[in-house]
Amino acid sequence: MGLFTKKIGPVFLKEDSDAKKFIEDMTELSKKASGDLKNEIEKQIKYANAGLVGENNIIFELKNSGIDMYILHDIYLEVDGKGAQIDFMIFTKKASVCY
């Protein structure tokens, strides 16, 4: 029996993200900071919030696509001290895609 032998629709194998925790931590840090550091922290919070909105939009579209697929969200890979973060890994019967 293979992975795609029956109609499954979109299945999230990993849906959660570290972005919410990052935003919470940076918000707490911002309360203690001042000057240029505070401005930089607030800029990072703004970017993270924009990224989170985009990721949530993609999650909505994937969930409502009706396409048989397995989805991994917010994956971090590290080899020999070098890391890469992947927003989405999507596996279908015909192809696998990373964004």
PDB file of N, CA and C in Angstrom:
ATOM      1  N   MET A   1       0.834  -1.174   0.000  1.00  0.00           N
ATOM      2  CA  MET A   1       0.000   0.000   0.000  1.00  0.00           C
ATOM      3  C   MET A   1       0.885   1.245   0.000  1.00  0.00           C
ATOM      4  N   GLY A   2       0.717   2.134  -0.979  1.00  0.00           N
ATOM      5  CA  GLY A   2       1.523   3.332  -1.100  1.00  0.00           C
ATOM      6  C   GLY A   2       0.937   4.503  -0.334  1.00  0.00           C
ATOM      7  N   LEU A   3       1.649   5.590  -0.368  1.00  0.00           N
ATOM      8  CA  LEU A   3       1.199   6.794   0.335  1.00  0.00           C
ATOM      9  C   LEU A   3      -0.064   7.397  -0.266  1.00  0.00           C
ATOM     10  N   PHE A   4      -0.244   7.250  -1.568  1.00  0.00           N
ATOM     11  CA  PHE A   4      -1.348   7.920  -2.243  1.00  0.00           C
ATOM     12  C   PHE A   4      -2.282   6.920  -2.925  1.00  0.00           C
ATOM     13  N   THR A   5      -2.658   5.862  -2.239  1.00  0.00           N
ATOM     14  CA  THR A   5      -3.524   4.856  -2.841  1.00  0.00           C
ATOM     15  C   THR A   5      -5.000   5.197  -2.715  1.00  0.00           C
ATOM     16  N   LYS A   6      -5.359   6.125  -1.820  1.00  0.00           N
ATOM     17  CA  LYS A   6      -6.752   6.545  -1.706  1.00  0.00           C
ATOM     18  C   LYS A   6      -6.807   8.054  -1.545  1.00  0.00           C
ATOM     19  N   LYS A   7      -7.975   8.629  -1.759  1.00  0.00           N
ATOM     20  CA  LYS A   7      -8.167  10.073  -1.656  1.00  0.00           C
ATOM     21  C   LYS A   7      -7.967  10.514  -0.204  1.00  0.00           C
ATOM     22  N   ILE A   8      -6.992  11.423   0.033  1.00  0.00           N
ATOM     23  CA  ILE A   8      -6.694  11.860   1.401  1.00  0.00           C
ATOM     24  C   ILE A   8      -6.865  13.360   1.583  1.00  0.00           C
ATOM     25  N   GLY A   9      -6.807  14.129   0.501  1.00  0.00           N
ATOM     26  CA  GLY A   9      -6.810  15.583   0.628  1.00  0.00           C
ATOM     27  C   GLY A   9      -5.495  16.055   1.223  1.00  0.00           C
ATOM     28  N   PRO A  10      -5.408  17.318   1.598  1.00  0.00           N
ATOM     29  CA  PRO A  10      -4.180  17.829   2.206  1.00  0.00           C
ATOM     30  C   PRO A  10      -4.027  17.341   3.646  1.00  0.00           C
ATOM     31  N   VAL A  11      -2.845  16.815   3.977  1.00  0.00           N
ATOM     32  CA  VAL A  11      -2.558  16.314   5.321  1.00  0.00           C
ATOM     33  C   VAL A  11      -1.302  17.014   5.828  1.00  0.00           C
ATOM     34  N   PHE A  12      -1.427  17.763   6.925  1.00  0.00           N
ATOM     35  CA  PHE A  12      -0.273  18.416   7.532  1.00  0.00           C
ATOM     36  C   PHE A  12       0.388  17.440   8.493  1.00  0.00           C
ATOM     37  N   LEU A  13       1.621  17.067   8.196  1.00  0.00           N
ATOM     38  CA  LEU A  13       2.394  16.216   9.097  1.00  0.00           C
ATOM     39  C   LEU A  13       3.083  17.068  10.153  1.00  0.00           C
ATOM     40  N   LYS A  14       3.360  18.322   9.806  1.00  0.00           N
ATOM     41  CA  LYS A  14       3.877  19.306  10.767  1.00  0.00           C
ATOM     42  C   LYS A  14       3.305  20.652  10.366  1.00  0.00           C
ATOM     43  N   GLU A  15       2.426  21.198  11.215  1.00  0.00           N
ATOM     44  CA  GLU A  15       1.753  22.449  10.878  1.00  0.00           C
ATOM     45  C   GLU A  15       2.250  23.638  11.695  1.00  0.00           C
ATOM     46  N   ASP A  16       2.740  23.406  12.893  1.00  0.00           N
ATOM     47  CA  ASP A  16       3.118  24.513  13.761  1.00  0.00           C
ATOM     48  C   ASP A  16       4.363  25.235  13.257  1.00  0.00           C
ATOM     49  N   SER A  17       4.563  26.444  13.785  1.00  0.00           N
ATOM     50  CA  SER A  17       5.678  27.284  13.367  1.00  0.00           C
ATOM     51  C   SER A  17       6.321  27.913  14.593  1.00  0.00           C
ATOM     52  N   ASP A  18       7.596  28.219  14.490  1.00  0.00           N
ATOM     53  CA  ASP A  18       8.311  28.893  15.570  1.00  0.00           C
ATOM     54  C   ASP A  18       8.115  30.410  15.531  1.00  0.00           C
ATOM     55  N   ALA A  19       7.443  30.917  14.505  1.00  0.00           N
ATOM     56  CA  ALA A  19       7.300  32.362  14.329  1.00  0.00           C
ATOM     57  C   ALA A  19       6.523  33.009  15.466  1.00  0.00           C
ATOM     58  N   LYS A  20       5.456  32.381  15.937  1.00  0.00           N
ATOM     59  CA  LYS A  20       4.668  32.967  17.030  1.00  0.00           C
ATOM     60  C   LYS A  20       5.513  33.129  18.288  1.00  0.00           C
ATOM     61  N   LYS A  21       6.283  32.121  18.623  1.00  0.00           N
ATOM     62  CA  LYS A  21       7.154  32.171  19.806  1.00  0.00           C
ATOM     63  C   LYS A  21       8.222  33.252  19.629  1.00  0.00           C
ATOM     64  N   PHE A  22       8.781  33.344  18.423  1.00  0.00           N
ATOM     65  CA  PHE A  22       9.788  34.366  18.130  1.00  0.00           C
ATOM     66  C   PHE A  22       9.200  35.762  18.349  1.00  0.00           C
ATOM     67  N   ILE A  23       7.988  35.997  17.851  1.00  0.00           N
ATOM     68  CA  ILE A  23       7.341  37.305  17.988  1.00  0.00           C
ATOM     69  C   ILE A  23       7.076  37.616  19.463  1.00  0.00           C
ATOM     70  N   GLU A  24       6.599  36.629  20.206  1.00  0.00           N
ATOM     71  CA  GLU A  24       6.353  36.822  21.637  1.00  0.00           C
ATOM     72  C   GLU A  24       7.650  37.173  22.380  1.00  0.00           C
ATOM     73  N   ASP A  25       8.708  36.421  22.093  1.00  0.00           N
ATOM     74  CA  ASP A  25      10.001  36.671  22.753  1.00  0.00           C
ATOM     75  C   ASP A  25      10.555  38.053  22.407  1.00  0.00           C
ATOM     76  N   MET A  26      10.446  38.421  21.136  1.00  0.00           N
ATOM     77  CA  MET A  26      10.961  39.726  20.713  1.00  0.00           C
ATOM     78  C   MET A  26      10.128  40.867  21.294  1.00  0.00           C
ATOM     79  N   THR A  27       8.839  40.674  21.450  1.00  0.00           N
ATOM     80  CA  THR A  27       7.978  41.693  22.044  1.00  0.00           C
ATOM     81  C   THR A  27       8.374  41.937  23.498  1.00  0.00           C
ATOM     82  N   GLU A  28       8.641  40.859  24.230  1.00  0.00           N
ATOM     83  CA  GLU A  28       9.099  40.997  25.620  1.00  0.00           C
ATOM     84  C   GLU A  28      10.453  41.696  25.681  1.00  0.00           C
ATOM     85  N   LEU A  29      11.339  41.347  24.771  1.00  0.00           N
ATOM     86  CA  LEU A  29      12.666  41.966  24.720  1.00  0.00           C
ATOM     87  C   LEU A  29      12.561  43.450  24.380  1.00  0.00           C
ATOM     88  N   SER A  30      11.626  43.789  23.500  1.00  0.00           N
ATOM     89  CA  SER A  30      11.439  45.176  23.086  1.00  0.00           C
ATOM     90  C   SER A  30      11.035  46.065  24.263  1.00  0.00           C
ATOM     91  N   LYS A  31      10.283  45.496  25.195  1.00  0.00           N
ATOM     92  CA  LYS A  31       9.845  46.257  26.374  1.00  0.00           C
ATOM     93  C   LYS A  31      11.033  46.691  27.243  1.00  0.00           C
ATOM     94  N   LYS A  32      12.118  45.927  27.178  1.00  0.00           N
ATOM     95  CA  LYS A  32      13.296  46.208  28.004  1.00  0.00           C
ATOM     96  C   LYS A  32      14.353  47.026  27.263  1.00  0.00           C
ATOM     97  N   ALA A  33      14.223  47.145  25.950  1.00  0.00           N
ATOM     98  CA  ALA A  33      15.246  47.801  25.132  1.00  0.00           C
ATOM     99  C   ALA A  33      14.922  49.280  24.935  1.00  0.00           C
ATOM    100  N   SER A  34      15.922  50.014  24.424  1.00  0.00           N
ATOM    101  CA  SER A  34      15.711  51.431  24.105  1.00  0.00           C
ATOM    102  C   SER A  34      16.594  51.812  22.916  1.00  0.00           C
ATOM    103  N   GLY A  35      16.305  52.954  22.350  1.00  0.00           N
ATOM    104  CA  GLY A  35      17.128  53.502  21.276  1.00  0.00           C
ATOM    105  C   GLY A  35      17.141  52.667  20.016  1.00  0.00           C
ATOM    106  N   ASP A  36      18.334  52.574  19.400  1.00  0.00           N
ATOM    107  CA  ASP A  36      18.494  51.850  18.138  1.00  0.00           C
ATOM    108  C   ASP A  36      18.170  50.368  18.280  1.00  0.00           C
ATOM    109  N   LEU A  37      18.516  49.788  19.422  1.00  0.00           N
ATOM    110  CA  LEU A  37      18.224  48.371  19.641  1.00  0.00           C
ATOM    111  C   LEU A  37      16.715  48.125  19.632  1.00  0.00           C
ATOM    112  N   LYS A  38      15.964  48.987  20.297  1.00  0.00           N
ATOM    113  CA  LYS A  38      14.502  48.856  20.322  1.00  0.00           C
ATOM    114  C   LYS A  38      13.937  48.974  18.904  1.00  0.00           C
ATOM    115  N   ASN A  39      14.464  49.938  18.133  1.00  0.00           N
ATOM    116  CA  ASN A  39      14.005  50.111  16.750  1.00  0.00           C
ATOM    117  C   ASN A  39      14.282  48.863  15.913  1.00  0.00           C
ATOM    118  N   GLU A  40      15.448  48.277  16.090  1.00  0.00           N
ATOM    119  CA  GLU A  40      15.812  47.075  15.339  1.00  0.00           C
ATOM    120  C   GLU A  40      14.917  45.891  15.735  1.00  0.00           C
ATOM    121  N   ILE A  41      14.657  45.754  17.018  1.00  0.00           N
ATOM    122  CA  ILE A  41      13.785  44.675  17.488  1.00  0.00           C
ATOM    123  C   ILE A  41      12.383  44.842  16.917  1.00  0.00           C
ATOM    124  N   GLU A  42      11.871  46.071  16.949  1.00  0.00           N
ATOM    125  CA  GLU A  42      10.527  46.326  16.412  1.00  0.00           C
ATOM    126  C   GLU A  42      10.463  46.072  14.905  1.00  0.00           C
ATOM    127  N   LYS A  43      11.559  46.356  14.201  1.00  0.00           N
ATOM    128  CA  LYS A  43      11.621  46.065  12.769  1.00  0.00           C
ATOM    129  C   LYS A  43      11.550  44.549  12.533  1.00  0.00           C
ATOM    130  N   GLN A  44      12.271  43.784  13.352  1.00  0.00           N
ATOM    131  CA  GLN A  44      12.245  42.323  13.228  1.00  0.00           C
ATOM    132  C   GLN A  44      10.856  41.763  13.539  1.00  0.00           C
ATOM    133  N   ILE A  45      10.186  42.353  14.521  1.00  0.00           N
ATOM    134  CA  ILE A  45       8.816  41.931  14.854  1.00  0.00           C
ATOM    135  C   ILE A  45       7.886  42.202  13.669  1.00  0.00           C
ATOM    136  N   LYS A  46       8.046  43.355  13.052  1.00  0.00           N
ATOM    137  CA  LYS A  46       7.218  43.717  11.893  1.00  0.00           C
ATOM    138  C   LYS A  46       7.421  42.714  10.753  1.00  0.00           C
ATOM    139  N   TYR A  47       8.674  42.374  10.455  1.00  0.00           N
ATOM    140  CA  TYR A  47       8.964  41.401   9.395  1.00  0.00           C
ATOM    141  C   TYR A  47       8.392  40.026   9.733  1.00  0.00           C
ATOM    142  N   ALA A  48       8.550  39.618  10.992  1.00  0.00           N
ATOM    143  CA  ALA A  48       8.050  38.300  11.408  1.00  0.00           C
ATOM    144  C   ALA A  48       6.528  38.243  11.319  1.00  0.00           C
ATOM    145  N   ASN A  49       5.852  39.322  11.706  1.00  0.00           N
ATOM    146  CA  ASN A  49       4.386  39.365  11.597  1.00  0.00           C
ATOM    147  C   ASN A  49       3.931  39.271  10.140  1.00  0.00           C
ATOM    148  N   ALA A  50       4.622  39.984   9.253  1.00  0.00           N
ATOM    149  CA  ALA A  50       4.280  39.919   7.828  1.00  0.00           C
ATOM    150  C   ALA A  50       4.487  38.508   7.291  1.00  0.00           C
ATOM    151  N   GLY A  51       5.584  37.878   7.696  1.00  0.00           N
ATOM    152  CA  GLY A  51       5.847  36.503   7.274  1.00  0.00           C
ATOM    153  C   GLY A  51       4.800  35.537   7.790  1.00  0.00           C
ATOM    154  N   LEU A  52       4.363  35.739   9.028  1.00  0.00           N
ATOM    155  CA  LEU A  52       3.349  34.878   9.627  1.00  0.00           C
ATOM    156  C   LEU A  52       2.013  35.009   8.902  1.00  0.00           C
ATOM    157  N   VAL A  53       1.646  36.228   8.525  1.00  0.00           N
ATOM    158  CA  VAL A  53       0.410  36.433   7.760  1.00  0.00           C
ATOM    159  C   VAL A  53       0.496  35.686   6.427  1.00  0.00           C
ATOM    160  N   GLY A  54       1.631  35.806   5.751  1.00  0.00           N
ATOM    161  CA  GLY A  54       1.813  35.104   4.472  1.00  0.00           C
ATOM    162  C   GLY A  54       1.740  33.596   4.628  1.00  0.00           C
ATOM    163  N   GLU A  55       2.388  33.067   5.656  1.00  0.00           N
ATOM    164  CA  GLU A  55       2.359  31.621   5.891  1.00  0.00           C
ATOM    165  C   GLU A  55       0.938  31.151   6.209  1.00  0.00           C
ATOM    166  N   ASN A  56       0.202  31.934   7.003  1.00  0.00           N
ATOM    167  CA  ASN A  56      -1.181  31.564   7.312  1.00  0.00           C
ATOM    168  C   ASN A  56      -2.063  31.567   6.066  1.00  0.00           C
ATOM    169  N   ASN A  57      -1.810  32.504   5.145  1.00  0.00           N
ATOM    170  CA  ASN A  57      -2.553  32.526   3.877  1.00  0.00           C
ATOM    171  C   ASN A  57      -2.266  31.269   3.059  1.00  0.00           C
ATOM    172  N   ILE A  58      -1.000  30.865   3.013  1.00  0.00           N
ATOM    173  CA  ILE A  58      -0.633  29.658   2.275  1.00  0.00           C
ATOM    174  C   ILE A  58      -1.256  28.425   2.924  1.00  0.00           C
ATOM    175  N   ILE A  59      -1.229  28.353   4.255  1.00  0.00           N
ATOM    176  CA  ILE A  59      -1.838  27.221   4.957  1.00  0.00           C
ATOM    177  C   ILE A  59      -3.321  27.129   4.617  1.00  0.00           C
ATOM    178  N   PHE A  60      -4.020  28.265   4.622  1.00  0.00           N
ATOM    179  CA  PHE A  60      -5.450  28.273   4.272  1.00  0.00           C
ATOM    180  C   PHE A  60      -5.662  27.720   2.866  1.00  0.00           C
ATOM    181  N   GLU A  61      -4.872  28.192   1.920  1.00  0.00           N
ATOM    182  CA  GLU A  61      -5.032  27.743   0.523  1.00  0.00           C
ATOM    183  C   GLU A  61      -4.729  26.254   0.378  1.00  0.00           C
ATOM    184  N   LEU A  62      -3.691  25.775   1.049  1.00  0.00           N
ATOM    185  CA  LEU A  62      -3.355  24.352   0.978  1.00  0.00           C
ATOM    186  C   LEU A  62      -4.463  23.501   1.580  1.00  0.00           C
ATOM    187  N   LYS A  63      -4.983  23.915   2.742  1.00  0.00           N
ATOM    188  CA  LYS A  63      -6.046  23.152   3.403  1.00  0.00           C
ATOM    189  C   LYS A  63      -7.310  23.070   2.555  1.00  0.00           C
ATOM    190  N   ASN A  64      -7.556  24.097   1.764  1.00  0.00           N
ATOM    191  CA  ASN A  64      -8.780  24.154   0.969  1.00  0.00           C
ATOM    192  C   ASN A  64      -8.567  23.791  -0.499  1.00  0.00           C
ATOM    193  N   SER A  65      -7.416  23.229  -0.823  1.00  0.00           N
ATOM    194  CA  SER A  65      -7.102  22.909  -2.218  1.00  0.00           C
ATOM    195  C   SER A  65      -7.797  21.639  -2.705  1.00  0.00           C
ATOM    196  N   GLY A  66      -8.051  20.708  -1.795  1.00  0.00           N
ATOM    197  CA  GLY A  66      -8.649  19.443  -2.207  1.00  0.00           C
ATOM    198  C   GLY A  66      -7.668  18.507  -2.895  1.00  0.00           C
ATOM    199  N   ILE A  67      -6.408  18.878  -2.956  1.00  0.00           N
ATOM    200  CA  ILE A  67      -5.385  18.065  -3.616  1.00  0.00           C
ATOM    201  C   ILE A  67      -4.792  17.087  -2.605  1.00  0.00           C
ATOM    202  N   ASP A  68      -4.583  15.852  -3.018  1.00  0.00           N
ATOM    203  CA  ASP A  68      -3.931  14.863  -2.159  1.00  0.00           C
ATOM    204  C   ASP A  68      -2.462  15.247  -2.002  1.00  0.00           C
ATOM    205  N   MET A  69      -2.069  15.534  -0.757  1.00  0.00           N
ATOM    206  CA  MET A  69      -0.683  15.915  -0.508  1.00  0.00           C
ATOM    207  C   MET A  69      -0.368  15.792   0.975  1.00  0.00           C
ATOM    208  N   TYR A  70       0.907  15.616   1.253  1.00  0.00           N
ATOM    209  CA  TYR A  70       1.427  15.675   2.612  1.00  0.00           C
ATOM    210  C   TYR A  70       2.241  16.960   2.717  1.00  0.00           C
ATOM    211  N   ILE A  71       2.104  17.670   3.844  1.00  0.00           N
ATOM    212  CA  ILE A  71       2.727  18.977   3.991  1.00  0.00           C
ATOM    213  C   ILE A  71       3.504  19.042   5.300  1.00  0.00           C
ATOM    214  N   LEU A  72       4.751  19.490   5.207  1.00  0.00           N
ATOM    215  CA  LEU A  72       5.572  19.806   6.374  1.00  0.00           C
ATOM    216  C   LEU A  72       5.757  21.313   6.375  1.00  0.00           C
ATOM    217  N   HIS A  73       5.599  21.946   7.523  1.00  0.00           N
ATOM    218  CA  HIS A  73       5.702  23.407   7.615  1.00  0.00           C
ATOM    219  C   HIS A  73       6.806  23.789   8.595  1.00  0.00           C
ATOM    220  N   ASP A  74       7.589  24.777   8.215  1.00  0.00           N
ATOM    221  CA  ASP A  74       8.639  25.362   9.060  1.00  0.00           C
ATOM    222  C   ASP A  74       9.645  24.305   9.515  1.00  0.00           C
ATOM    223  N   ILE A  75      10.401  23.805   8.566  1.00  0.00           N
ATOM    224  CA  ILE A  75      11.407  22.776   8.819  1.00  0.00           C
ATOM    225  C   ILE A  75      12.792  23.429   8.855  1.00  0.00           C
ATOM    226  N   TYR A  76      13.594  23.052   9.836  1.00  0.00           N
ATOM    227  CA  TYR A  76      14.967  23.539   9.928  1.00  0.00           C
ATOM    228  C   TYR A  76      15.909  22.347   9.799  1.00  0.00           C
ATOM    229  N   LEU A  77      16.805  22.425   8.830  1.00  0.00           N
ATOM    230  CA  LEU A  77      17.786  21.363   8.600  1.00  0.00           C
ATOM    231  C   LEU A  77      19.183  21.918   8.866  1.00  0.00           C
ATOM    232  N   GLU A  78      20.038  21.095   9.467  1.00  0.00           N
ATOM    233  CA  GLU A  78      21.403  21.526   9.732  1.00  0.00           C
ATOM    234  C   GLU A  78      22.372  20.386   9.440  1.00  0.00           C
ATOM    235  N   VAL A  79      23.430  20.704   8.694  1.00  0.00           N
ATOM    236  CA  VAL A  79      24.480  19.741   8.366  1.00  0.00           C
ATOM    237  C   VAL A  79      25.813  20.459   8.515  1.00  0.00           C
ATOM    238  N   ASP A  80      26.707  19.878   9.276  1.00  0.00           N
ATOM    239  CA  ASP A  80      28.045  20.437   9.477  1.00  0.00           C
ATOM    240  C   ASP A  80      28.007  21.901   9.910  1.00  0.00           C
ATOM    241  N   GLY A  81      27.079  22.248  10.787  1.00  0.00           N
ATOM    242  CA  GLY A  81      26.992  23.598  11.304  1.00  0.00           C
ATOM    243  C   GLY A  81      26.338  24.608  10.389  1.00  0.00           C
ATOM    244  N   LYS A  82      25.916  24.183   9.205  1.00  0.00           N
ATOM    245  CA  LYS A  82      25.239  25.075   8.259  1.00  0.00           C
ATOM    246  C   LYS A  82      23.763  24.708   8.243  1.00  0.00           C
ATOM    247  N   GLY A  83      22.912  25.726   8.398  1.00  0.00           N
ATOM    248  CA  GLY A  83      21.487  25.465   8.500  1.00  0.00           C
ATOM    249  C   GLY A  83      20.689  26.081   7.369  1.00  0.00           C
ATOM    250  N   ALA A  84      19.500  25.533   7.182  1.00  0.00           N
ATOM    251  CA  ALA A  84      18.555  26.060   6.207  1.00  0.00           C
ATOM    252  C   ALA A  84      17.150  25.894   6.763  1.00  0.00           C
ATOM    253  N   GLN A  85      16.336  26.926   6.591  1.00  0.00           N
ATOM    254  CA  GLN A  85      14.957  26.883   7.028  1.00  0.00           C
ATOM    255  C   GLN A  85      14.069  26.791   5.796  1.00  0.00           C
ATOM    256  N   ILE A  86      13.130  25.866   5.809  1.00  0.00           N
ATOM    257  CA  ILE A  86      12.211  25.658   4.689  1.00  0.00           C
ATOM    258  C   ILE A  86      10.808  25.943   5.199  1.00  0.00           C
ATOM    259  N   ASP A  87      10.100  26.859   4.543  1.00  0.00           N
ATOM    260  CA  ASP A  87       8.750  27.208   4.980  1.00  0.00           C
ATOM    261  C   ASP A  87       7.783  26.045   4.774  1.00  0.00           C
ATOM    262  N   PHE A  88       7.753  25.478   3.581  1.00  0.00           N
ATOM    263  CA  PHE A  88       6.830  24.387   3.281  1.00  0.00           C
ATOM    264  C   PHE A  88       7.509  23.322   2.430  1.00  0.00           C
ATOM    265  N   MET A  89       7.295  22.074   2.787  1.00  0.00           N
ATOM    266  CA  MET A  89       7.667  20.940   1.941  1.00  0.00           C
ATOM    267  C   MET A  89       6.361  20.242   1.604  1.00  0.00           C
ATOM    268  N   ILE A  90       6.093  20.103   0.317  1.00  0.00           N
ATOM    269  CA  ILE A  90       4.834  19.540  -0.142  1.00  0.00           C
ATOM    270  C   ILE A  90       5.125  18.296  -0.968  1.00  0.00           C
ATOM    271  N   PHE A  91       4.485  17.203  -0.601  1.00  0.00           N
ATOM    272  CA  PHE A  91       4.683  15.924  -1.298  1.00  0.00           C
ATOM    273  C   PHE A  91       3.355  15.493  -1.913  1.00  0.00           C
ATOM    274  N   THR A  92       3.371  15.304  -3.225  1.00  0.00           N
ATOM    275  CA  THR A  92       2.191  14.794  -3.923  1.00  0.00           C
ATOM    276  C   THR A  92       2.578  13.513  -4.648  1.00  0.00           C
ATOM    277  N   LYS A  93       1.596  12.896  -5.257  1.00  0.00           N
ATOM    278  CA  LYS A  93       1.848  11.658  -5.997  1.00  0.00           C
ATOM    279  C   LYS A  93       2.816  11.891  -7.147  1.00  0.00           C
ATOM    280  N   LYS A  94       2.768  13.074  -7.735  1.00  0.00           N
ATOM    281  CA  LYS A  94       3.570  13.349  -8.929  1.00  0.00           C
ATOM    282  C   LYS A  94       4.861  14.093  -8.645  1.00  0.00           C
ATOM    283  N   ALA A  95       4.927  14.870  -7.553  1.00  0.00           N
ATOM    284  CA  ALA A  95       6.123  15.695  -7.335  1.00  0.00           C
ATOM    285  C   ALA A  95       6.245  16.097  -5.878  1.00  0.00           C
ATOM    286  N   SER A  96       7.440  16.524  -5.521  1.00  0.00           N
ATOM    287  CA  SER A  96       7.697  17.107  -4.210  1.00  0.00           C
ATOM    288  C   SER A  96       8.233  18.520  -4.433  1.00  0.00           C
ATOM    289  N   VAL A  97       7.787  19.463  -3.595  1.00  0.00           N
ATOM    290  CA  VAL A  97       8.165  20.858  -3.770  1.00  0.00           C
ATOM    291  C   VAL A  97       8.570  21.438  -2.431  1.00  0.00           C
ATOM    292  N   CYS A  98       9.596  22.317  -2.441  1.00  0.00           N
ATOM    293  CA  CYS A  98      10.007  23.039  -1.230  1.00  0.00           C
ATOM    294  C   CYS A  98       9.928  24.529  -1.508  1.00  0.00           C
ATOM    295  N   TYR A  99       9.423  25.307  -0.543  1.00  0.00           N
ATOM    296  CA  TYR A  99       9.370  26.768  -0.632  1.00  0.00           C
ATOM    297  C   TYR A  99       9.994  27.361   0.595  1.00  0.00           C
TER     298      TYR A  99
END
